[in-house]
Amino acid sequence: MDETHPFTLADLPAVAADVAAKLAEAGFTEAPHLRQTLALAEEAGELVGAVRRHYGMARRTGPFSDIEAELADVVLTAFVTAHTMGIDLERALAAKLAVVYTRGWRDDR
């Protein structure tokens, strides 16, 4: 992406395909499904660490910008993982939302 074409969330599927191609071109071809699953788990863990640091729940502190960067890593890696596995993420998200909106939101006792 460049200044003449600013990035939007709608660009994520194309960006994911580009990143997946660049990983393959760089030689990361061994078990791409497993690689991407592990990468997604790693990024989620890094997000948790950034949140813990920012909110004073870790040995050291961290800025909110670390949370933003790590969350962006999670989202991008999720899209690359979906692309690598042939998952239609838009369809999968729509199906998940159909379930989420039928759940109760809180059990008030």
Protein backbone atom coordinates (compact mmCIF):
# COMPACT_ATOMS: atom_id res chain seq x y z
CA MET A 1 0.00 0.00 0.00
CA ASP A 2 1.19 3.53 -0.64
CA GLU A 3 -0.01 7.13 -0.32
CA THR A 4 -1.88 6.96 -3.65
CA HIS A 5 -3.90 3.97 -2.40
CA PRO A 6 -4.52 4.15 1.35
CA PHE A 7 -5.16 0.88 3.13
CA THR A 8 -8.67 -0.11 4.21
CA LEU A 9 -9.96 -3.20 5.98
CA ALA A 10 -11.53 -4.26 2.68
CA ASP A 11 -7.95 -4.72 1.38
CA LEU A 12 -7.19 -7.49 3.90
CA PRO A 13 -8.01 -10.49 1.66
CA ALA A 14 -5.72 -9.19 -1.11
CA VAL A 15 -3.00 -8.25 1.37
CA ALA A 16 -3.23 -11.72 2.93
CA ALA A 17 -2.82 -13.35 -0.48
CA ASP A 18 0.21 -11.13 -1.16
CA VAL A 19 1.82 -11.92 2.21
CA ALA A 20 1.19 -15.65 1.73
CA ALA A 21 2.82 -15.48 -1.73
CA LYS A 22 5.82 -13.58 -0.35
CA LEU A 23 6.25 -16.19 2.41
CA ALA A 24 6.24 -18.95 -0.22
CA GLU A 25 8.69 -17.00 -2.41
CA ALA A 26 10.99 -16.63 0.61
CA GLY A 27 11.04 -20.42 1.02
CA PHE A 28 8.56 -20.82 3.85
CA THR A 29 6.84 -23.76 2.18
CA GLU A 30 7.04 -26.44 4.88
CA ALA A 31 3.61 -27.21 6.35
CA PRO A 32 2.07 -23.78 5.64
CA HIS A 33 -1.16 -24.65 7.47
CA LEU A 34 0.75 -25.52 10.64
CA ARG A 35 3.11 -22.56 10.24
CA GLN A 36 0.25 -20.10 10.01
CA THR A 37 -1.66 -21.68 12.91
CA LEU A 38 1.41 -21.40 15.11
CA ALA A 39 2.06 -17.84 13.91
CA LEU A 40 -1.50 -16.88 14.83
CA ALA A 41 -1.13 -18.41 18.30
CA GLU A 42 2.17 -16.58 18.76
CA GLU A 43 0.66 -13.24 17.75
CA ALA A 44 -2.30 -13.75 20.10
CA GLY A 45 0.17 -14.42 22.93
CA GLU A 46 2.11 -11.28 22.10
CA LEU A 47 -1.13 -9.28 22.22
CA VAL A 48 -1.90 -10.70 25.67
CA GLY A 49 1.59 -9.72 26.83
CA ALA A 50 1.21 -6.18 25.50
CA VAL A 51 -2.14 -5.80 27.29
CA ARG A 52 -0.69 -7.14 30.55
CA ARG A 53 2.26 -4.74 30.33
CA HIS A 54 0.11 -1.72 29.52
CA TYR A 55 -2.32 -2.36 32.38
CA GLY A 56 0.39 -3.02 34.97
CA MET A 57 -0.06 -6.77 35.21
CA ALA A 58 3.48 -7.71 34.17
CA ARG A 59 7.01 -7.09 35.48
CA ARG A 60 7.53 -4.24 33.05
CA THR A 61 5.24 -1.62 31.58
CA GLY A 62 4.37 -0.96 27.96
CA PRO A 63 2.68 1.70 25.86
CA PHE A 64 -0.80 1.40 24.36
CA SER A 65 0.82 1.57 20.92
CA ASP A 66 2.21 -1.93 21.57
CA ILE A 67 -1.37 -3.19 22.00
CA GLU A 68 -2.37 -1.57 18.71
CA ALA A 69 0.59 -3.09 16.87
CA GLU A 70 0.05 -6.56 18.31
CA LEU A 71 -3.68 -6.51 17.56
CA ALA A 72 -2.86 -5.54 13.96
CA ASP A 73 -0.46 -8.52 13.84
CA VAL A 74 -3.26 -10.82 15.06
CA VAL A 75 -5.72 -9.56 12.43
CA LEU A 76 -3.22 -9.74 9.57
CA THR A 77 -2.02 -13.19 10.62
CA ALA A 78 -5.63 -14.40 10.90
CA PHE A 79 -6.28 -13.29 7.32
CA VAL A 80 -3.06 -14.92 6.06
CA THR A 81 -3.97 -18.11 7.93
CA ALA A 82 -7.46 -18.12 6.41
CA HIS A 83 -6.00 -17.57 2.93
CA THR A 84 -3.43 -20.34 3.42
CA MET A 85 -6.12 -22.77 4.56
CA GLY A 86 -8.61 -21.79 1.86
CA ILE A 87 -11.11 -20.45 4.38
CA ASP A 88 -13.65 -17.90 3.19
CA LEU A 89 -13.26 -15.69 6.24
CA GLU A 90 -16.16 -13.42 5.32
CA ARG A 91 -18.50 -16.42 5.16
CA ALA A 92 -17.04 -17.92 8.34
CA LEU A 93 -17.46 -14.62 10.19
CA ALA A 94 -21.06 -14.28 9.01
CA ALA A 95 -21.82 -17.79 10.26
CA LYS A 96 -20.14 -17.06 13.60
CA LEU A 97 -22.04 -13.78 14.01
CA ALA A 98 -25.31 -15.60 13.37
CA VAL A 99 -24.48 -17.77 16.40
CA VAL A 100 -23.15 -14.93 18.55
CA TYR A 101 -26.29 -12.85 18.15
CA THR A 102 -28.51 -15.74 19.22
CA ARG A 103 -26.70 -16.20 22.55
CA GLY A 104 -27.71 -14.63 25.79
CA TRP A 105 -25.35 -11.82 26.68
CA ARG A 106 -25.28 -12.22 30.44
CA ASP A 107 -26.85 -14.49 32.98
CA ASP A 108 -28.25 -12.11 35.60
CA ARG A 109 -28.83 -14.08 38.78
